[in-house]
């Protein structure tokens, strides 16, 4: 699984966050997506990385601008996550 952090320009309120989240949910298979207009970021969790150009196209169609994408491995942090063996 991967965590992708998107820097997005143009979000100014909670409705903007919802609009971006809904667009990503409809266009891509994601486990989780959340946006913050105050940070200008959207974070999503997916099984595999999503193509940056496809993300850019989907977000640009909403009137917002995808500025950058950062992808990193994601490991679920659950109740017993701290007890995982490092073997």
PDB file of N, CA and C in Angstrom:
ATOM      1  N   UNK A   1       0.839  -1.178   0.000  1.00  0.00           N
ATOM      2  CA  UNK A   1       0.000   0.000   0.000  1.00  0.00           C
ATOM      3  C   UNK A   1       0.881   1.237   0.000  1.00  0.00           C
ATOM      4  N   UNK A   2       0.316   2.315  -0.528  1.00  0.00           N
ATOM      5  CA  UNK A   2       1.060   3.563  -0.607  1.00  0.00           C
ATOM      6  C   UNK A   2       0.228   4.712  -0.048  1.00  0.00           C
ATOM      7  N   UNK A   3       0.940   5.704   0.465  1.00  0.00           N
ATOM      8  CA  UNK A   3       0.328   6.952   0.892  1.00  0.00           C
ATOM      9  C   UNK A   3       0.780   8.011  -0.100  1.00  0.00           C
ATOM     10  N   UNK A   4      -0.174   8.716  -0.674  1.00  0.00           N
ATOM     11  CA  UNK A   4       0.148   9.777  -1.614  1.00  0.00           C
ATOM     12  C   UNK A   4      -0.322  11.104  -1.019  1.00  0.00           C
ATOM     13  N   UNK A   5       0.578  12.077  -1.013  1.00  0.00           N
ATOM     14  CA  UNK A   5       0.256  13.411  -0.523  1.00  0.00           C
ATOM     15  C   UNK A   5       0.249  14.345  -1.720  1.00  0.00           C
ATOM     16  N   UNK A   6      -0.906  14.949  -1.970  1.00  0.00           N
ATOM     17  CA  UNK A   6      -1.076  15.834  -3.112  1.00  0.00           C
ATOM     18  C   UNK A   6      -1.130  17.275  -2.632  1.00  0.00           C
ATOM     19  N   UNK A   7      -0.343  18.134  -3.251  1.00  0.00           N
ATOM     20  CA  UNK A   7      -0.438  19.559  -2.964  1.00  0.00           C
ATOM     21  C   UNK A   7      -1.393  20.137  -3.998  1.00  0.00           C
ATOM     22  N   UNK A   8      -2.482  20.742  -3.512  1.00  0.00           N
ATOM     23  CA  UNK A   8      -3.529  21.233  -4.399  1.00  0.00           C
ATOM     24  C   UNK A   8      -3.814  22.702  -4.106  1.00  0.00           C
ATOM     25  N   UNK A   9      -3.818  23.510  -5.166  1.00  0.00           N
ATOM     26  CA  UNK A   9      -4.145  24.929  -5.036  1.00  0.00           C
ATOM     27  C   UNK A   9      -5.616  25.149  -5.369  1.00  0.00           C
ATOM     28  N   UNK A  10      -6.227  26.071  -4.655  1.00  0.00           N
ATOM     29  CA  UNK A  10      -7.585  26.474  -4.981  1.00  0.00           C
ATOM     30  C   UNK A  10      -8.630  26.070  -3.961  1.00  0.00           C
ATOM     31  N   UNK A  11      -8.293  25.185  -3.034  1.00  0.00           N
ATOM     32  CA  UNK A  11      -9.270  24.801  -2.006  1.00  0.00           C
ATOM     33  C   UNK A  11      -9.339  25.918  -0.961  1.00  0.00           C
ATOM     34  N   UNK A  12     -10.566  26.362  -0.642  1.00  0.00           N
ATOM     35  CA  UNK A  12     -10.680  27.458   0.317  1.00  0.00           C
ATOM     36  C   UNK A  12     -11.675  27.181   1.451  1.00  0.00           C
ATOM     37  N   UNK A  13     -12.325  26.006   1.423  1.00  0.00           N
ATOM     38  CA  UNK A  13     -13.309  25.724   2.474  1.00  0.00           C
ATOM     39  C   UNK A  13     -13.567  24.215   2.559  1.00  0.00           C
ATOM     40  N   UNK A  14     -14.420  23.824   3.490  1.00  0.00           N
ATOM     41  CA  UNK A  14     -14.762  22.418   3.665  1.00  0.00           C
ATOM     42  C   UNK A  14     -15.460  21.819   2.458  1.00  0.00           C
ATOM     43  N   UNK A  15     -16.256  22.612   1.755  1.00  0.00           N
ATOM     44  CA  UNK A  15     -16.923  22.109   0.553  1.00  0.00           C
ATOM     45  C   UNK A  15     -15.899  21.802  -0.548  1.00  0.00           C
ATOM     46  N   UNK A  16     -14.856  22.609  -0.621  1.00  0.00           N
ATOM     47  CA  UNK A  16     -13.781  22.346  -1.589  1.00  0.00           C
ATOM     48  C   UNK A  16     -13.120  20.999  -1.269  1.00  0.00           C
ATOM     49  N   UNK A  17     -12.872  20.764   0.013  1.00  0.00           N
ATOM     50  CA  UNK A  17     -12.283  19.493   0.442  1.00  0.00           C
ATOM     51  C   UNK A  17     -13.174  18.327   0.016  1.00  0.00           C
ATOM     52  N   UNK A  18     -14.471  18.452   0.263  1.00  0.00           N
ATOM     53  CA  UNK A  18     -15.417  17.396  -0.105  1.00  0.00           C
ATOM     54  C   UNK A  18     -15.435  17.170  -1.609  1.00  0.00           C
ATOM     55  N   UNK A  19     -15.386  18.250  -2.369  1.00  0.00           N
ATOM     56  CA  UNK A  19     -15.401  18.146  -3.826  1.00  0.00           C
ATOM     57  C   UNK A  19     -14.184  17.359  -4.327  1.00  0.00           C
ATOM     58  N   UNK A  20     -12.999  17.688  -3.801  1.00  0.00           N
ATOM     59  CA  UNK A  20     -11.775  16.979  -4.197  1.00  0.00           C
ATOM     60  C   UNK A  20     -11.846  15.515  -3.761  1.00  0.00           C
ATOM     61  N   UNK A  21     -12.272  15.266  -2.516  1.00  0.00           N
ATOM     62  CA  UNK A  21     -12.368  13.889  -2.013  1.00  0.00           C
ATOM     63  C   UNK A  21     -13.320  13.057  -2.870  1.00  0.00           C
ATOM     64  N   UNK A  22     -14.497  13.614  -3.185  1.00  0.00           N
ATOM     65  CA  UNK A  22     -15.483  12.894  -3.991  1.00  0.00           C
ATOM     66  C   UNK A  22     -14.952  12.606  -5.388  1.00  0.00           C
ATOM     67  N   UNK A  23     -14.255  13.561  -5.971  1.00  0.00           N
ATOM     68  CA  UNK A  23     -13.677  13.376  -7.305  1.00  0.00           C
ATOM     69  C   UNK A  23     -12.681  12.228  -7.303  1.00  0.00           C
ATOM     70  N   UNK A  24     -11.819  12.180  -6.302  1.00  0.00           N
ATOM     71  CA  UNK A  24     -10.812  11.114  -6.219  1.00  0.00           C
ATOM     72  C   UNK A  24     -11.477   9.764  -5.976  1.00  0.00           C
ATOM     73  N   UNK A  25     -12.470   9.728  -5.094  1.00  0.00           N
ATOM     74  CA  UNK A  25     -13.168   8.459  -4.822  1.00  0.00           C
ATOM     75  C   UNK A  25     -13.856   7.911  -6.073  1.00  0.00           C
ATOM     76  N   UNK A  26     -14.467   8.797  -6.858  1.00  0.00           N
ATOM     77  CA  UNK A  26     -15.172   8.352  -8.068  1.00  0.00           C
ATOM     78  C   UNK A  26     -14.209   7.886  -9.161  1.00  0.00           C
ATOM     79  N   UNK A  27     -13.059   8.534  -9.271  1.00  0.00           N
ATOM     80  CA  UNK A  27     -12.143   8.270 -10.385  1.00  0.00           C
ATOM     81  C   UNK A  27     -11.141   7.146 -10.112  1.00  0.00           C
ATOM     82  N   UNK A  28     -10.845   6.895  -8.836  1.00  0.00           N
ATOM     83  CA  UNK A  28      -9.780   5.951  -8.508  1.00  0.00           C
ATOM     84  C   UNK A  28     -10.199   5.022  -7.372  1.00  0.00           C
ATOM     85  N   UNK A  29      -9.532   3.879  -7.314  1.00  0.00           N
ATOM     86  CA  UNK A  29      -9.770   2.929  -6.235  1.00  0.00           C
ATOM     87  C   UNK A  29      -8.831   3.282  -5.082  1.00  0.00           C
ATOM     88  N   UNK A  30      -9.396   3.911  -4.047  1.00  0.00           N
ATOM     89  CA  UNK A  30      -8.594   4.311  -2.888  1.00  0.00           C
ATOM     90  C   UNK A  30      -9.207   3.741  -1.621  1.00  0.00           C
ATOM     91  N   UNK A  31      -8.355   3.496  -0.639  1.00  0.00           N
ATOM     92  CA  UNK A  31      -8.820   3.022   0.666  1.00  0.00           C
ATOM     93  C   UNK A  31      -9.340   4.163   1.515  1.00  0.00           C
ATOM     94  N   UNK A  32      -8.637   5.314   1.422  1.00  0.00           N
ATOM     95  CA  UNK A  32      -8.971   6.459   2.251  1.00  0.00           C
ATOM     96  C   UNK A  32      -8.508   7.724   1.537  1.00  0.00           C
ATOM     97  N   UNK A  33      -9.271   8.787   1.690  1.00  0.00           N
ATOM     98  CA  UNK A  33      -8.859  10.085   1.153  1.00  0.00           C
ATOM     99  C   UNK A  33      -9.348  11.177   2.095  1.00  0.00           C
ATOM    100  N   UNK A  34      -8.481  12.141   2.370  1.00  0.00           N
ATOM    101  CA  UNK A  34      -8.877  13.287   3.197  1.00  0.00           C
ATOM    102  C   UNK A  34      -8.111  14.513   2.722  1.00  0.00           C
ATOM    103  N   UNK A  35      -8.795  15.647   2.782  1.00  0.00           N
ATOM    104  CA  UNK A  35      -8.207  16.903   2.309  1.00  0.00           C
ATOM    105  C   UNK A  35      -8.227  17.949   3.406  1.00  0.00           C
ATOM    106  N   UNK A  36      -7.315  18.902   3.296  1.00  0.00           N
ATOM    107  CA  UNK A  36      -7.269  20.042   4.207  1.00  0.00           C
ATOM    108  C   UNK A  36      -7.056  21.300   3.373  1.00  0.00           C
ATOM    109  N   UNK A  37      -8.065  22.175   3.358  1.00  0.00           N
ATOM    110  CA  UNK A  37      -7.900  23.410   2.588  1.00  0.00           C
ATOM    111  C   UNK A  37      -6.874  24.332   3.237  1.00  0.00           C
ATOM    112  N   UNK A  38      -6.758  24.280   4.569  1.00  0.00           N
ATOM    113  CA  UNK A  38      -5.798  25.148   5.246  1.00  0.00           C
ATOM    114  C   UNK A  38      -4.350  24.746   4.949  1.00  0.00           C
ATOM    115  N   UNK A  39      -4.109  23.458   4.747  1.00  0.00           N
ATOM    116  CA  UNK A  39      -2.769  22.972   4.384  1.00  0.00           C
ATOM    117  C   UNK A  39      -2.569  22.940   2.878  1.00  0.00           C
ATOM    118  N   UNK A  40      -3.686  22.953   2.132  1.00  0.00           N
ATOM    119  CA  UNK A  40      -3.588  22.843   0.674  1.00  0.00           C
ATOM    120  C   UNK A  40      -3.156  21.452   0.259  1.00  0.00           C
ATOM    121  N   UNK A  41      -3.573  20.448   1.035  1.00  0.00           N
ATOM    122  CA  UNK A  41      -3.142  19.072   0.778  1.00  0.00           C
ATOM    123  C   UNK A  41      -4.299  18.095   0.791  1.00  0.00           C
ATOM    124  N   UNK A  42      -4.104  17.031   0.029  1.00  0.00           N
ATOM    125  CA  UNK A  42      -4.987  15.876   0.067  1.00  0.00           C
ATOM    126  C   UNK A  42      -4.101  14.665   0.278  1.00  0.00           C
ATOM    127  N   UNK A  43      -4.482  13.808   1.220  1.00  0.00           N
ATOM    128  CA  UNK A  43      -3.754  12.563   1.457  1.00  0.00           C
ATOM    129  C   UNK A  43      -4.666  11.413   1.096  1.00  0.00           C
ATOM    130  N   UNK A  44      -4.096  10.444   0.397  1.00  0.00           N
ATOM    131  CA  UNK A  44      -4.874   9.264   0.058  1.00  0.00           C
ATOM    132  C   UNK A  44      -4.054   8.013   0.281  1.00  0.00           C
ATOM    133  N   UNK A  45      -4.754   6.937   0.591  1.00  0.00           N
ATOM    134  CA  UNK A  45      -4.149   5.620   0.778  1.00  0.00           C
ATOM    135  C   UNK A  45      -4.717   4.731  -0.323  1.00  0.00           C
ATOM    136  N   UNK A  46      -3.837   4.037  -1.038  1.00  0.00           N
ATOM    137  CA  UNK A  46      -4.265   3.151  -2.124  1.00  0.00           C
ATOM    138  C   UNK A  46      -3.396   1.902  -2.134  1.00  0.00           C
ATOM    139  N   UNK A  47      -3.909   0.865  -2.769  1.00  0.00           N
ATOM    140  CA  UNK A  47      -3.146  -0.383  -2.889  1.00  0.00           C
ATOM    141  C   UNK A  47      -1.873  -0.163  -3.700  1.00  0.00           C
ATOM    142  N   UNK A  48      -1.997   0.594  -4.797  1.00  0.00           N
ATOM    143  CA  UNK A  48      -0.876   0.860  -5.708  1.00  0.00           C
ATOM    144  C   UNK A  48      -0.843   2.345  -6.028  1.00  0.00           C
ATOM    145  N   UNK A  49       0.335   2.855  -6.409  1.00  0.00           N
ATOM    146  CA  UNK A  49       0.418   4.269  -6.774  1.00  0.00           C
ATOM    147  C   UNK A  49      -0.540   4.590  -7.927  1.00  0.00           C
ATOM    148  N   UNK A  50      -1.113   5.772  -7.895  1.00  0.00           N
ATOM    149  CA  UNK A  50      -2.005   6.238  -8.954  1.00  0.00           C
ATOM    150  C   UNK A  50      -1.187   7.117  -9.889  1.00  0.00           C
ATOM    151  N   UNK A  51      -1.415   6.955 -11.169  1.00  0.00           N
ATOM    152  CA  UNK A  51      -0.690   7.720 -12.178  1.00  0.00           C
ATOM    153  C   UNK A  51      -0.880   9.221 -11.943  1.00  0.00           C
ATOM    154  N   UNK A  52       0.221   9.948 -11.886  1.00  0.00           N
ATOM    155  CA  UNK A  52       0.171  11.380 -11.583  1.00  0.00           C
ATOM    156  C   UNK A  52      -0.606  12.163 -12.645  1.00  0.00           C
ATOM    157  N   UNK A  53      -0.445  11.796 -13.909  1.00  0.00           N
ATOM    158  CA  UNK A  53      -1.168  12.509 -14.965  1.00  0.00           C
ATOM    159  C   UNK A  53      -2.671  12.281 -14.873  1.00  0.00           C
ATOM    160  N   UNK A  54      -3.084  11.066 -14.493  1.00  0.00           N
ATOM    161  CA  UNK A  54      -4.508  10.779 -14.320  1.00  0.00           C
ATOM    162  C   UNK A  54      -5.069  11.591 -13.150  1.00  0.00           C
ATOM    163  N   UNK A  55      -4.298  11.689 -12.067  1.00  0.00           N
ATOM    164  CA  UNK A  55      -4.705  12.521 -10.927  1.00  0.00           C
ATOM    165  C   UNK A  55      -4.830  13.977 -11.350  1.00  0.00           C
ATOM    166  N   UNK A  56      -3.834  14.454 -12.074  1.00  0.00           N
ATOM    167  CA  UNK A  56      -3.815  15.849 -12.510  1.00  0.00           C
ATOM    168  C   UNK A  56      -5.050  16.158 -13.365  1.00  0.00           C
ATOM    169  N   UNK A  57      -5.364  15.256 -14.286  1.00  0.00           N
ATOM    170  CA  UNK A  57      -6.507  15.452 -15.179  1.00  0.00           C
ATOM    171  C   UNK A  57      -7.819  15.503 -14.375  1.00  0.00           C
ATOM    172  N   UNK A  58      -7.999  14.551 -13.456  1.00  0.00           N
ATOM    173  CA  UNK A  58      -9.227  14.498 -12.664  1.00  0.00           C
ATOM    174  C   UNK A  58      -9.385  15.750 -11.796  1.00  0.00           C
ATOM    175  N   UNK A  59      -8.309  16.189 -11.176  1.00  0.00           N
ATOM    176  CA  UNK A  59      -8.371  17.347 -10.282  1.00  0.00           C
ATOM    177  C   UNK A  59      -8.513  18.645 -11.079  1.00  0.00           C
ATOM    178  N   UNK A  60      -7.787  18.755 -12.187  1.00  0.00           N
ATOM    179  CA  UNK A  60      -7.892  19.958 -13.017  1.00  0.00           C
ATOM    180  C   UNK A  60      -9.316  20.161 -13.525  1.00  0.00           C
ATOM    181  N   UNK A  61     -10.023  19.072 -13.799  1.00  0.00           N
ATOM    182  CA  UNK A  61     -11.406  19.170 -14.283  1.00  0.00           C
ATOM    183  C   UNK A  61     -12.351  19.748 -13.234  1.00  0.00           C
ATOM    184  N   UNK A  62     -11.946  19.705 -11.963  1.00  0.00           N
ATOM    185  CA  UNK A  62     -12.779  20.256 -10.889  1.00  0.00           C
ATOM    186  C   UNK A  62     -12.528  21.747 -10.691  1.00  0.00           C
ATOM    187  N   UNK A  63     -11.485  22.281 -11.328  1.00  0.00           N
ATOM    188  CA  UNK A  63     -11.164  23.699 -11.167  1.00  0.00           C
ATOM    189  C   UNK A  63     -10.032  23.952 -10.184  1.00  0.00           C
ATOM    190  N   UNK A  64      -9.521  22.907  -9.555  1.00  0.00           N
ATOM    191  CA  UNK A  64      -8.391  23.038  -8.652  1.00  0.00           C
ATOM    192  C   UNK A  64      -7.124  22.653  -9.416  1.00  0.00           C
ATOM    193  N   UNK A  65      -5.962  22.955  -8.845  1.00  0.00           N
ATOM    194  CA  UNK A  65      -4.704  22.702  -9.536  1.00  0.00           C
ATOM    195  C   UNK A  65      -3.822  21.772  -8.706  1.00  0.00           C
ATOM    196  N   UNK A  66      -3.451  20.630  -9.296  1.00  0.00           N
ATOM    197  CA  UNK A  66      -2.520  19.708  -8.639  1.00  0.00           C
ATOM    198  C   UNK A  66      -1.113  20.232  -8.864  1.00  0.00           C
ATOM    199  N   UNK A  67      -0.448  20.600  -7.775  1.00  0.00           N
ATOM    200  CA  UNK A  67       0.884  21.195  -7.858  1.00  0.00           C
ATOM    201  C   UNK A  67       1.977  20.139  -7.776  1.00  0.00           C
ATOM    202  N   UNK A  68       1.837  19.204  -6.832  1.00  0.00           N
ATOM    203  CA  UNK A  68       2.856  18.172  -6.672  1.00  0.00           C
ATOM    204  C   UNK A  68       2.263  16.918  -6.049  1.00  0.00           C
ATOM    205  N   UNK A  69       2.990  15.811  -6.235  1.00  0.00           N
ATOM    206  CA  UNK A  69       2.577  14.521  -5.683  1.00  0.00           C
ATOM    207  C   UNK A  69       3.786  13.883  -5.002  1.00  0.00           C
ATOM    208  N   UNK A  70       3.587  13.442  -3.771  1.00  0.00           N
ATOM    209  CA  UNK A  70       4.632  12.721  -3.035  1.00  0.00           C
ATOM    210  C   UNK A  70       4.074  11.337  -2.706  1.00  0.00           C
ATOM    211  N   UNK A  71       4.811  10.300  -3.070  1.00  0.00           N
ATOM    212  CA  UNK A  71       4.373   8.928  -2.820  1.00  0.00           C
ATOM    213  C   UNK A  71       5.359   8.250  -1.884  1.00  0.00           C
ATOM    214  N   UNK A  72       4.818   7.555  -0.881  1.00  0.00           N
ATOM    215  CA  UNK A  72       5.665   6.821   0.059  1.00  0.00           C
ATOM    216  C   UNK A  72       4.957   5.535   0.478  1.00  0.00           C
ATOM    217  N   UNK A  73       5.722   4.537   0.895  1.00  0.00           N
ATOM    218  CA  UNK A  73       5.097   3.290   1.359  1.00  0.00           C
ATOM    219  C   UNK A  73       4.218   3.581   2.573  1.00  0.00           C
ATOM    220  N   UNK A  74       3.137   2.822   2.707  1.00  0.00           N
ATOM    221  CA  UNK A  74       2.223   3.004   3.830  1.00  0.00           C
ATOM    222  C   UNK A  74       2.068   1.692   4.557  1.00  0.00           C
ATOM    223  N   UNK A  75       2.225   1.752   5.870  1.00  0.00           N
ATOM    224  CA  UNK A  75       1.996   0.583   6.706  1.00  0.00           C
ATOM    225  C   UNK A  75       0.909   0.944   7.695  1.00  0.00           C
ATOM    226  N   UNK A  76      -0.153   0.164   7.697  1.00  0.00           N
ATOM    227  CA  UNK A  76      -1.295   0.437   8.561  1.00  0.00           C
ATOM    228  C   UNK A  76      -0.860   0.421  10.020  1.00  0.00           C
ATOM    229  N   UNK A  77      -1.306   1.427  10.744  1.00  0.00           N
ATOM    230  CA  UNK A  77      -1.006   1.518  12.169  1.00  0.00           C
ATOM    231  C   UNK A  77      -2.262   1.145  12.929  1.00  0.00           C
ATOM    232  N   UNK A  78      -2.316  -0.076  13.362  1.00  0.00           N
ATOM    233  CA  UNK A  78      -3.487  -0.541  14.096  1.00  0.00           C
ATOM    234  C   UNK A  78      -3.174  -0.711  15.565  1.00  0.00           C
ATOM    235  N   UNK A  79      -4.108  -1.281  16.263  1.00  0.00           N
ATOM    236  CA  UNK A  79      -3.975  -1.505  17.694  1.00  0.00           C
ATOM    237  C   UNK A  79      -2.738  -2.332  18.017  1.00  0.00           C
ATOM    238  N   UNK A  80      -2.455  -3.345  17.174  1.00  0.00           N
ATOM    239  CA  UNK A  80      -1.337  -4.225  17.451  1.00  0.00           C
ATOM    240  C   UNK A  80      -0.131  -3.954  16.554  1.00  0.00           C
ATOM    241  N   UNK A  81      -0.161  -2.855  15.804  1.00  0.00           N
ATOM    242  CA  UNK A  81       0.924  -2.515  14.889  1.00  0.00           C
ATOM    243  C   UNK A  81       2.266  -2.389  15.558  1.00  0.00           C
ATOM    244  N   UNK A  82       2.272  -1.930  16.784  1.00  0.00           N
ATOM    245  CA  UNK A  82       3.568  -1.746  17.474  1.00  0.00           C
ATOM    246  C   UNK A  82       4.181  -3.062  17.917  1.00  0.00           C
ATOM    247  N   UNK A  83       3.395  -4.147  17.892  1.00  0.00           N
ATOM    248  CA  UNK A  83       3.898  -5.445  18.318  1.00  0.00           C
ATOM    249  C   UNK A  83       4.379  -6.303  17.150  1.00  0.00           C
ATOM    250  N   UNK A  84       4.385  -5.736  15.942  1.00  0.00           N
ATOM    251  CA  UNK A  84       4.832  -6.502  14.778  1.00  0.00           C
ATOM    252  C   UNK A  84       6.303  -6.866  14.945  1.00  0.00           C
ATOM    253  N   UNK A  85       6.621  -8.063  14.506  1.00  0.00           N
ATOM    254  CA  UNK A  85       8.026  -8.475  14.599  1.00  0.00           C
ATOM    255  C   UNK A  85       8.803  -7.817  13.470  1.00  0.00           C
ATOM    256  N   UNK A  86      10.029  -7.513  13.714  1.00  0.00           N
ATOM    257  CA  UNK A  86      10.894  -6.876  12.735  1.00  0.00           C
ATOM    258  C   UNK A  86      11.707  -7.901  11.955  1.00  0.00           C
ATOM    259  N   UNK A  87      11.363  -9.170  12.059  1.00  0.00           N
ATOM    260  CA  UNK A  87      12.119 -10.253  11.423  1.00  0.00           C
ATOM    261  C   UNK A  87      11.988 -10.259   9.934  1.00  0.00           C
TER     262      UNK A  87
END
